[in-house]
Amino acid sequence: MVRRFDSRPSRGVFAYRRMMPFLMRGRNESAVYFEQTVDLSETLPWIDAFNAEHDEHITVFHVLLASLVRVLHERPRLNRFVAGRRLHDRDGIWISFAAKKRFDDDAPLSVVKRRFDPDESFAALVGSLSSQVSEARTDNKSSVDKELDVLLRMPRVLIEAATRLLTTLDFFNLAPRALLENDPMYTSVFIANLGSIKLDAAYHHLYEYGNCPLFVTVGRIEQAAVVTDNGAVEARPVVKLKFTYDERVADGLYAGKALSLLERYIAAPGEWL
């Protein structure tokens, strides 16, 4: 079997899980949906303190990114994907997210894909991410934009043939690295920060193209009634996260523990960042 450039075959996988990609052939057929509400009563003061001491301005989104990186590092089975009816362990933690070039109805979306190092400091992550987002919001075209400009000049029948060919090559682990390496759909997680445009979180489909097994949407921050540890009810700031997850990657118990970790890391960044 040809070795993929972006992964290695998963080892020690139970037989029933190896069989699942043959029974559930698509990502959306295999999708599981989950909603999580995170208490931000400790997170927001920590963010304010960070912003007071640093030049780079951060939001809940930065804390979410760092938390996801840590969870994927500690729960590595979530960083698997299905390709060619087989499970693969992804090489590195990759996260893609979309950013509007301008807050305008007609402004295009620019997608950032970045490899995250679990040992990278939070300040370094924020600094490099800021420069990447700033570059993405310029009028400069990314490598993916340039490739699409060339492709979309072709007749529709050739575009259809080209996409089918790429999908077939990817099935057999033969797709050119140059075409996939910067493609945002070949990623560990795709995040849509709907809260940045004042929308609530929504369940998003998984793309059959690419190999992304997890889509996360982030809602706006709002006040909600929260029951405290001593049984009292308080109004606290919360954010809703909604997940669409390819069940073939790992079972519900494994994923559930990862979600509990994610909630804890976002809710109390001062304990680990």
C-alpha atoms as a PDB file:
ATOM      1  CA  MET A   1       0.000   0.000   0.000  1.00  0.00           C
ATOM      2  CA  VAL A   2       1.256   3.489  -0.879  1.00  0.00           C
ATOM      3  CA  ARG A   3       2.045   5.595   2.215  1.00  0.00           C
ATOM      4  CA  ARG A   4       0.253   8.954   2.484  1.00  0.00           C
ATOM      5  CA  PHE A   5       2.411  12.041   2.972  1.00  0.00           C
ATOM      6  CA  ASP A   6       0.083  13.462   5.658  1.00  0.00           C
ATOM      7  CA  SER A   7      -0.417  10.418   7.890  1.00  0.00           C
ATOM      8  CA  ARG A   8       0.329   6.815   8.701  1.00  0.00           C
ATOM      9  CA  PRO A   9      -2.116   3.866   8.901  1.00  0.00           C
ATOM     10  CA  SER A  10      -3.803   3.586  12.298  1.00  0.00           C
ATOM     11  CA  ARG A  11      -2.626   0.619  14.354  1.00  0.00           C
ATOM     12  CA  GLY A  12      -4.403  -1.435  16.997  1.00  0.00           C
ATOM     13  CA  VAL A  13      -7.888  -0.602  15.692  1.00  0.00           C
ATOM     14  CA  PHE A  14     -10.657  -3.071  16.606  1.00  0.00           C
ATOM     15  CA  ALA A  15     -12.127  -5.073  13.738  1.00  0.00           C
ATOM     16  CA  TYR A  16     -15.603  -3.517  14.006  1.00  0.00           C
ATOM     17  CA  ARG A  17     -14.122  -0.028  13.692  1.00  0.00           C
ATOM     18  CA  ARG A  18     -12.031  -1.039  10.681  1.00  0.00           C
ATOM     19  CA  MET A  19     -15.279  -2.272   9.112  1.00  0.00           C
ATOM     20  CA  MET A  20     -17.239   0.953   9.743  1.00  0.00           C
ATOM     21  CA  PRO A  21     -15.888   2.867   6.681  1.00  0.00           C
ATOM     22  CA  PHE A  22     -17.301   0.102   4.465  1.00  0.00           C
ATOM     23  CA  LEU A  23     -20.715   0.257   6.156  1.00  0.00           C
ATOM     24  CA  MET A  24     -20.892   4.049   6.511  1.00  0.00           C
ATOM     25  CA  ARG A  25     -19.213   5.285   3.372  1.00  0.00           C
ATOM     26  CA  GLY A  26     -19.553   9.056   3.743  1.00  0.00           C
ATOM     27  CA  ARG A  27     -18.714  11.565   6.461  1.00  0.00           C
ATOM     28  CA  ASN A  28     -22.228  12.997   6.675  1.00  0.00           C
ATOM     29  CA  GLU A  29     -23.726   9.523   6.840  1.00  0.00           C
ATOM     30  CA  SER A  30     -21.407   8.946   9.817  1.00  0.00           C
ATOM     31  CA  ALA A  31     -21.976  12.321  11.479  1.00  0.00           C
ATOM     32  CA  VAL A  32     -22.803  12.736  15.170  1.00  0.00           C
ATOM     33  CA  TYR A  33     -23.977  16.124  16.494  1.00  0.00           C
ATOM     34  CA  PHE A  34     -23.307  17.541  19.942  1.00  0.00           C
ATOM     35  CA  GLU A  35     -23.827  20.856  21.715  1.00  0.00           C
ATOM     36  CA  GLN A  36     -21.767  22.202  24.610  1.00  0.00           C
ATOM     37  CA  THR A  37     -22.323  25.310  26.739  1.00  0.00           C
ATOM     38  CA  VAL A  38     -19.155  26.656  28.393  1.00  0.00           C
ATOM     39  CA  ASP A  39     -19.161  28.930  31.438  1.00  0.00           C
ATOM     40  CA  LEU A  40     -16.869  31.915  30.744  1.00  0.00           C
ATOM     41  CA  SER A  41     -17.025  33.584  34.158  1.00  0.00           C
ATOM     42  CA  GLU A  42     -13.321  32.796  34.736  1.00  0.00           C
ATOM     43  CA  THR A  43     -12.274  32.938  31.095  1.00  0.00           C
ATOM     44  CA  LEU A  44     -13.258  36.528  30.314  1.00  0.00           C
ATOM     45  CA  PRO A  45     -11.385  38.117  33.285  1.00  0.00           C
ATOM     46  CA  TRP A  46      -8.320  36.047  32.330  1.00  0.00           C
ATOM     47  CA  ILE A  47      -8.562  37.351  28.747  1.00  0.00           C
ATOM     48  CA  ASP A  48      -8.873  40.942  30.010  1.00  0.00           C
ATOM     49  CA  ALA A  49      -5.758  40.475  32.163  1.00  0.00           C
ATOM     50  CA  PHE A  50      -3.820  39.002  29.219  1.00  0.00           C
ATOM     51  CA  ASN A  51      -4.825  41.882  26.946  1.00  0.00           C
ATOM     52  CA  ALA A  52      -3.756  44.416  29.574  1.00  0.00           C
ATOM     53  CA  GLU A  53      -0.241  42.950  29.621  1.00  0.00           C
ATOM     54  CA  HIS A  54       0.314  42.189  25.911  1.00  0.00           C
ATOM     55  CA  ASP A  55       0.207  44.105  22.653  1.00  0.00           C
ATOM     56  CA  GLU A  56      -1.755  41.375  20.854  1.00  0.00           C
ATOM     57  CA  HIS A  57      -5.492  41.413  21.565  1.00  0.00           C
ATOM     58  CA  ILE A  58      -7.062  38.009  22.183  1.00  0.00           C
ATOM     59  CA  THR A  59     -10.623  36.689  22.372  1.00  0.00           C
ATOM     60  CA  VAL A  60     -12.366  33.489  23.436  1.00  0.00           C
ATOM     61  CA  PHE A  61     -11.520  32.154  19.969  1.00  0.00           C
ATOM     62  CA  HIS A  62      -7.786  32.127  20.795  1.00  0.00           C
ATOM     63  CA  VAL A  63      -8.437  30.214  24.017  1.00  0.00           C
ATOM     64  CA  LEU A  64     -10.588  27.730  22.074  1.00  0.00           C
ATOM     65  CA  LEU A  65      -7.791  27.170  19.532  1.00  0.00           C
ATOM     66  CA  ALA A  66      -5.193  26.544  22.218  1.00  0.00           C
ATOM     67  CA  SER A  67      -7.603  24.237  24.085  1.00  0.00           C
ATOM     68  CA  LEU A  68      -8.335  22.218  20.941  1.00  0.00           C
ATOM     69  CA  VAL A  69      -4.621  21.782  20.287  1.00  0.00           C
ATOM     70  CA  ARG A  70      -4.093  20.452  23.794  1.00  0.00           C
ATOM     71  CA  VAL A  71      -7.094  18.102  23.562  1.00  0.00           C
ATOM     72  CA  LEU A  72      -5.978  16.701  20.192  1.00  0.00           C
ATOM     73  CA  HIS A  73      -2.511  16.156  21.647  1.00  0.00           C
ATOM     74  CA  GLU A  74      -3.847  14.380  24.734  1.00  0.00           C
ATOM     75  CA  ARG A  75      -6.585  12.453  22.890  1.00  0.00           C
ATOM     76  CA  PRO A  76      -4.773  11.571  19.631  1.00  0.00           C
ATOM     77  CA  ARG A  77      -7.444   9.226  18.273  1.00  0.00           C
ATOM     78  CA  LEU A  78      -9.507  12.324  17.501  1.00  0.00           C
ATOM     79  CA  ASN A  79      -6.740  13.307  15.096  1.00  0.00           C
ATOM     80  CA  ARG A  80      -7.524  10.378  12.829  1.00  0.00           C
ATOM     81  CA  PHE A  81      -9.399  10.457   9.531  1.00  0.00           C
ATOM     82  CA  VAL A  82     -10.889   8.046   7.023  1.00  0.00           C
ATOM     83  CA  ALA A  83      -9.449   7.822   3.499  1.00  0.00           C
ATOM     84  CA  GLY A  84      -9.706   4.926   1.065  1.00  0.00           C
ATOM     85  CA  ARG A  85     -11.981   3.101   3.578  1.00  0.00           C
ATOM     86  CA  ARG A  86      -9.090   2.998   6.066  1.00  0.00           C
ATOM     87  CA  LEU A  87      -8.304   4.886   9.271  1.00  0.00           C
ATOM     88  CA  HIS A  88      -5.180   7.063   9.302  1.00  0.00           C
ATOM     89  CA  ASP A  89      -3.320   8.865  12.110  1.00  0.00           C
ATOM     90  CA  ARG A  90      -2.730  12.414  10.925  1.00  0.00           C
ATOM     91  CA  ASP A  91       0.774  13.830  10.907  1.00  0.00           C
ATOM     92  CA  GLY A  92       0.550  16.839  13.196  1.00  0.00           C
ATOM     93  CA  ILE A  93      -2.330  18.933  14.496  1.00  0.00           C
ATOM     94  CA  TRP A  94      -3.875  21.085  11.757  1.00  0.00           C
ATOM     95  CA  ILE A  95      -6.719  23.554  12.256  1.00  0.00           C
ATOM     96  CA  SER A  96      -8.535  25.498   9.539  1.00  0.00           C
ATOM     97  CA  PHE A  97     -10.870  28.447  10.036  1.00  0.00           C
ATOM     98  CA  ALA A  98     -12.521  31.070   7.892  1.00  0.00           C
ATOM     99  CA  ALA A  99     -12.143  34.841   8.236  1.00  0.00           C
ATOM    100  CA  LYS A 100     -14.102  37.515   6.410  1.00  0.00           C
ATOM    101  CA  LYS A 101     -11.784  39.913   4.606  1.00  0.00           C
ATOM    102  CA  ARG A 102     -14.178  42.717   5.596  1.00  0.00           C
ATOM    103  CA  PHE A 103     -17.453  42.873   7.531  1.00  0.00           C
ATOM    104  CA  ASP A 104     -19.375  43.338   4.317  1.00  0.00           C
ATOM    105  CA  ASP A 105     -22.028  41.209   2.602  1.00  0.00           C
ATOM    106  CA  ASP A 106     -19.985  41.064  -0.596  1.00  0.00           C
ATOM    107  CA  ALA A 107     -16.587  40.529   1.021  1.00  0.00           C
ATOM    108  CA  PRO A 108     -15.013  37.133   0.239  1.00  0.00           C
ATOM    109  CA  LEU A 109     -14.042  34.562   2.835  1.00  0.00           C
ATOM    110  CA  SER A 110     -10.415  33.736   3.369  1.00  0.00           C
ATOM    111  CA  VAL A 111      -9.529  30.414   4.971  1.00  0.00           C
ATOM    112  CA  VAL A 112      -6.477  29.963   7.185  1.00  0.00           C
ATOM    113  CA  LYS A 113      -4.922  26.518   7.662  1.00  0.00           C
ATOM    114  CA  ARG A 114      -2.167  26.194  10.232  1.00  0.00           C
ATOM    115  CA  ARG A 115      -0.137  23.473  11.890  1.00  0.00           C
ATOM    116  CA  PHE A 116      -0.096  23.843  15.680  1.00  0.00           C
ATOM    117  CA  ASP A 117       2.713  22.628  17.908  1.00  0.00           C
ATOM    118  CA  PRO A 118       1.474  21.449  21.355  1.00  0.00           C
ATOM    119  CA  ASP A 119       4.699  22.795  22.906  1.00  0.00           C
ATOM    120  CA  GLU A 120       4.254  26.293  21.445  1.00  0.00           C
ATOM    121  CA  SER A 121       3.627  28.976  24.053  1.00  0.00           C
ATOM    122  CA  PHE A 122       0.279  30.737  24.031  1.00  0.00           C
ATOM    123  CA  ALA A 123       1.904  34.130  23.404  1.00  0.00           C
ATOM    124  CA  ALA A 124       3.781  32.719  20.392  1.00  0.00           C
ATOM    125  CA  LEU A 125       0.583  31.154  19.058  1.00  0.00           C
ATOM    126  CA  VAL A 126      -1.266  34.466  19.350  1.00  0.00           C
ATOM    127  CA  GLY A 127       1.526  36.415  17.655  1.00  0.00           C
ATOM    128  CA  SER A 128       1.926  34.122  14.652  1.00  0.00           C
ATOM    129  CA  LEU A 129      -1.824  33.693  14.275  1.00  0.00           C
ATOM    130  CA  SER A 130      -2.340  37.445  14.212  1.00  0.00           C
ATOM    131  CA  SER A 131       0.098  37.852  11.330  1.00  0.00           C
ATOM    132  CA  GLN A 132      -1.509  34.972   9.406  1.00  0.00           C
ATOM    133  CA  VAL A 133      -5.004  36.399   9.795  1.00  0.00           C
ATOM    134  CA  SER A 134      -3.794  39.869   8.796  1.00  0.00           C
ATOM    135  CA  GLU A 135      -2.208  38.401   5.657  1.00  0.00           C
ATOM    136  CA  ALA A 136      -5.385  36.433   4.878  1.00  0.00           C
ATOM    137  CA  ARG A 137      -7.443  39.637   5.054  1.00  0.00           C
ATOM    138  CA  THR A 138      -5.327  41.452   2.493  1.00  0.00           C
ATOM    139  CA  ASP A 139      -6.131  41.379  -1.211  1.00  0.00           C
ATOM    140  CA  ASN A 140      -3.232  38.989  -1.839  1.00  0.00           C
ATOM    141  CA  LYS A 141      -4.388  35.663  -3.255  1.00  0.00           C
ATOM    142  CA  SER A 142      -3.537  32.442  -1.444  1.00  0.00           C
ATOM    143  CA  SER A 143      -2.132  29.406  -3.240  1.00  0.00           C
ATOM    144  CA  VAL A 144      -5.576  27.780  -3.107  1.00  0.00           C
ATOM    145  CA  ASP A 145      -7.186  30.890  -4.649  1.00  0.00           C
ATOM    146  CA  LYS A 146      -4.643  30.827  -7.476  1.00  0.00           C
ATOM    147  CA  GLU A 147      -5.280  27.127  -8.142  1.00  0.00           C
ATOM    148  CA  LEU A 148      -9.043  27.733  -8.224  1.00  0.00           C
ATOM    149  CA  ASP A 149      -8.627  30.660 -10.621  1.00  0.00           C
ATOM    150  CA  VAL A 150      -6.912  28.321 -13.082  1.00  0.00           C
ATOM    151  CA  LEU A 151      -9.384  25.481 -12.555  1.00  0.00           C
ATOM    152  CA  LEU A 152     -12.488  27.644 -12.975  1.00  0.00           C
ATOM    153  CA  ARG A 153     -11.351  28.841 -16.394  1.00  0.00           C
ATOM    154  CA  MET A 154     -11.925  25.294 -17.656  1.00  0.00           C
ATOM    155  CA  PRO A 155     -15.238  23.962 -19.037  1.00  0.00           C
ATOM    156  CA  ARG A 156     -17.519  22.413 -16.424  1.00  0.00           C
ATOM    157  CA  VAL A 157     -17.053  18.904 -17.784  1.00  0.00           C
ATOM    158  CA  LEU A 158     -13.287  19.212 -17.286  1.00  0.00           C
ATOM    159  CA  ILE A 159     -13.711  20.630 -13.776  1.00  0.00           C
ATOM    160  CA  GLU A 160     -15.947  17.659 -12.935  1.00  0.00           C
ATOM    161  CA  ALA A 161     -13.382  15.248 -14.384  1.00  0.00           C
ATOM    162  CA  ALA A 162     -10.522  16.932 -12.506  1.00  0.00           C
ATOM    163  CA  THR A 163     -12.292  16.755  -9.133  1.00  0.00           C
ATOM    164  CA  ARG A 164     -13.239  13.107  -9.697  1.00  0.00           C
ATOM    165  CA  LEU A 165      -9.650  12.320 -10.635  1.00  0.00           C
ATOM    166  CA  LEU A 166      -8.302  14.016  -7.505  1.00  0.00           C
ATOM    167  CA  THR A 167     -10.808  12.158  -5.317  1.00  0.00           C
ATOM    168  CA  THR A 168      -9.842   8.839  -6.920  1.00  0.00           C
ATOM    169  CA  LEU A 169      -6.129   9.523  -6.487  1.00  0.00           C
ATOM    170  CA  ASP A 170      -6.741  10.447  -2.857  1.00  0.00           C
ATOM    171  CA  PHE A 171      -8.608   7.153  -2.311  1.00  0.00           C
ATOM    172  CA  PHE A 172      -5.490   5.253  -3.378  1.00  0.00           C
ATOM    173  CA  ASN A 173      -3.108   7.635  -1.504  1.00  0.00           C
ATOM    174  CA  LEU A 174      -1.734   8.920  -4.827  1.00  0.00           C
ATOM    175  CA  ALA A 175      -2.927  12.547  -4.744  1.00  0.00           C
ATOM    176  CA  PRO A 176      -0.061  15.040  -5.257  1.00  0.00           C
ATOM    177  CA  ARG A 177       1.193  16.590  -2.042  1.00  0.00           C
ATOM    178  CA  ALA A 178       1.388  20.012  -3.709  1.00  0.00           C
ATOM    179  CA  LEU A 179      -2.400  20.015  -4.219  1.00  0.00           C
ATOM    180  CA  LEU A 180      -3.393  18.836  -0.742  1.00  0.00           C
ATOM    181  CA  GLU A 181      -0.819  20.310   1.631  1.00  0.00           C
ATOM    182  CA  ASN A 182      -2.398  23.777   1.748  1.00  0.00           C
ATOM    183  CA  ASP A 183      -5.974  22.630   1.169  1.00  0.00           C
ATOM    184  CA  PRO A 184      -8.062  23.680   4.226  1.00  0.00           C
ATOM    185  CA  MET A 185     -10.347  20.651   3.862  1.00  0.00           C
ATOM    186  CA  TYR A 186      -7.423  18.334   4.707  1.00  0.00           C
ATOM    187  CA  THR A 187      -7.308  19.247   8.362  1.00  0.00           C
ATOM    188  CA  SER A 188      -7.848  17.950  11.909  1.00  0.00           C
ATOM    189  CA  VAL A 189     -10.616  20.447  12.696  1.00  0.00           C
ATOM    190  CA  PHE A 190     -12.478  23.183  10.826  1.00  0.00           C
ATOM    191  CA  ILE A 191     -13.830  26.030  12.986  1.00  0.00           C
ATOM    192  CA  ALA A 192     -16.464  28.625  12.112  1.00  0.00           C
ATOM    193  CA  ASN A 193     -16.541  31.520  14.589  1.00  0.00           C
ATOM    194  CA  LEU A 194     -20.139  32.668  14.100  1.00  0.00           C
ATOM    195  CA  GLY A 195     -19.982  34.667  17.320  1.00  0.00           C
ATOM    196  CA  SER A 196     -17.655  37.132  15.593  1.00  0.00           C
ATOM    197  CA  ILE A 197     -20.593  38.175  13.381  1.00  0.00           C
ATOM    198  CA  LYS A 198     -23.062  38.123  16.297  1.00  0.00           C
ATOM    199  CA  LEU A 199     -24.692  34.812  15.365  1.00  0.00           C
ATOM    200  CA  ASP A 200     -25.391  31.812  17.529  1.00  0.00           C
ATOM    201  CA  ALA A 201     -23.680  28.480  16.883  1.00  0.00           C
ATOM    202  CA  ALA A 202     -25.204  26.208  14.220  1.00  0.00           C
ATOM    203  CA  TYR A 203     -24.668  22.585  13.271  1.00  0.00           C
ATOM    204  CA  HIS A 204     -22.515  22.429  10.158  1.00  0.00           C
ATOM    205  CA  HIS A 205     -22.206  19.598   7.659  1.00  0.00           C
ATOM    206  CA  LEU A 206     -18.940  17.744   7.156  1.00  0.00           C
ATOM    207  CA  TYR A 207     -17.353  18.028   3.730  1.00  0.00           C
ATOM    208  CA  GLU A 208     -17.180  14.793   1.749  1.00  0.00           C
ATOM    209  CA  TYR A 209     -14.253  16.349  -0.097  1.00  0.00           C
ATOM    210  CA  GLY A 210     -11.027  16.305   1.902  1.00  0.00           C
ATOM    211  CA  ASN A 211     -10.601  14.367   5.146  1.00  0.00           C
ATOM    212  CA  CYS A 212     -11.738  16.691   7.957  1.00  0.00           C
ATOM    213  CA  PRO A 213     -13.585  14.609  10.608  1.00  0.00           C
ATOM    214  CA  LEU A 214     -14.654  17.414  12.952  1.00  0.00           C
ATOM    215  CA  PHE A 215     -16.442  20.739  12.408  1.00  0.00           C
ATOM    216  CA  VAL A 216     -16.888  23.181  15.308  1.00  0.00           C
ATOM    217  CA  THR A 217     -19.039  26.303  15.303  1.00  0.00           C
ATOM    218  CA  VAL A 218     -18.679  28.968  17.990  1.00  0.00           C
ATOM    219  CA  GLY A 219     -21.643  31.129  19.001  1.00  0.00           C
ATOM    220  CA  ARG A 220     -21.881  34.581  20.485  1.00  0.00           C
ATOM    221  CA  ILE A 221     -21.244  35.223  24.173  1.00  0.00           C
ATOM    222  CA  GLU A 222     -24.464  35.704  26.128  1.00  0.00           C
ATOM    223  CA  GLN A 223     -25.802  35.655  29.671  1.00  0.00           C
ATOM    224  CA  ALA A 224     -27.456  32.458  30.889  1.00  0.00           C
ATOM    225  CA  ALA A 225     -28.682  30.977  34.153  1.00  0.00           C
ATOM    226  CA  VAL A 226     -26.025  28.632  35.571  1.00  0.00           C
ATOM    227  CA  VAL A 227     -26.428  26.364  38.588  1.00  0.00           C
ATOM    228  CA  THR A 228     -23.313  26.715  40.766  1.00  0.00           C
ATOM    229  CA  ASP A 229     -21.651  23.953  42.809  1.00  0.00           C
ATOM    230  CA  ASN A 230     -23.544  25.043  45.945  1.00  0.00           C
ATOM    231  CA  GLY A 231     -26.929  24.858  44.172  1.00  0.00           C
ATOM    232  CA  ALA A 232     -27.444  28.578  43.627  1.00  0.00           C
ATOM    233  CA  VAL A 233     -28.553  29.965  40.268  1.00  0.00           C
ATOM    234  CA  GLU A 234     -26.493  32.810  38.807  1.00  0.00           C
ATOM    235  CA  ALA A 235     -26.482  34.754  35.550  1.00  0.00           C
ATOM    236  CA  ARG A 236     -23.102  34.063  33.951  1.00  0.00           C
ATOM    237  CA  PRO A 237     -21.506  34.657  30.533  1.00  0.00           C
ATOM    238  CA  VAL A 238     -21.530  31.506  28.417  1.00  0.00           C
ATOM    239  CA  VAL A 239     -20.715  30.461  24.869  1.00  0.00           C
ATOM    240  CA  LYS A 240     -22.287  27.617  22.908  1.00  0.00           C
ATOM    241  CA  LEU A 241     -20.165  25.272  20.829  1.00  0.00           C
ATOM    242  CA  LYS A 242     -21.704  22.871  18.327  1.00  0.00           C
ATOM    243  CA  PHE A 243     -19.824  19.876  16.976  1.00  0.00           C
ATOM    244  CA  THR A 244     -20.294  17.689  13.916  1.00  0.00           C
ATOM    245  CA  TYR A 245     -18.127  14.611  14.257  1.00  0.00           C
ATOM    246  CA  ASP A 246     -17.267  11.622  12.048  1.00  0.00           C
ATOM    247  CA  GLU A 247     -18.167   8.691  14.308  1.00  0.00           C
ATOM    248  CA  ARG A 248     -15.883   6.321  12.391  1.00  0.00           C
ATOM    249  CA  VAL A 249     -12.806   8.016  13.878  1.00  0.00           C
ATOM    250  CA  ALA A 250     -13.307   7.080  17.552  1.00  0.00           C
ATOM    251  CA  ASP A 251     -16.126   5.872  19.788  1.00  0.00           C
ATOM    252  CA  GLY A 252     -18.454   8.031  21.856  1.00  0.00           C
ATOM    253  CA  LEU A 253     -16.748   7.391  25.196  1.00  0.00           C
ATOM    254  CA  TYR A 254     -13.364   8.515  23.853  1.00  0.00           C
ATOM    255  CA  ALA A 255     -14.892  11.595  22.203  1.00  0.00           C
ATOM    256  CA  GLY A 256     -16.977  12.409  25.290  1.00  0.00           C
ATOM    257  CA  LYS A 257     -13.905  12.502  27.516  1.00  0.00           C
ATOM    258  CA  ALA A 258     -12.248  14.815  24.998  1.00  0.00           C
ATOM    259  CA  LEU A 259     -15.222  17.194  25.131  1.00  0.00           C
ATOM    260  CA  SER A 260     -15.073  17.269  28.931  1.00  0.00           C
ATOM    261  CA  LEU A 261     -11.398  18.198  28.721  1.00  0.00           C
ATOM    262  CA  LEU A 262     -12.130  20.906  26.160  1.00  0.00           C
ATOM    263  CA  GLU A 263     -14.801  22.477  28.368  1.00  0.00           C
ATOM    264  CA  ARG A 264     -12.470  22.460  31.372  1.00  0.00           C
ATOM    265  CA  TYR A 265      -9.594  24.043  29.447  1.00  0.00           C
ATOM    266  CA  ILE A 266     -11.744  26.829  27.982  1.00  0.00           C
ATOM    267  CA  ALA A 267     -13.485  27.534  31.299  1.00  0.00           C
ATOM    268  CA  ALA A 268     -10.246  27.809  33.308  1.00  0.00           C
ATOM    269  CA  PRO A 269      -7.356  28.920  31.051  1.00  0.00           C
ATOM    270  CA  GLY A 270      -5.435  30.336  34.000  1.00  0.00           C
ATOM    271  CA  GLU A 271      -4.884  26.805  35.331  1.00  0.00           C
ATOM    272  CA  TRP A 272      -2.882  25.626  32.337  1.00  0.00           C
ATOM    273  CA  LEU A 273      -1.962  28.492  29.970  1.00  0.00           C
END
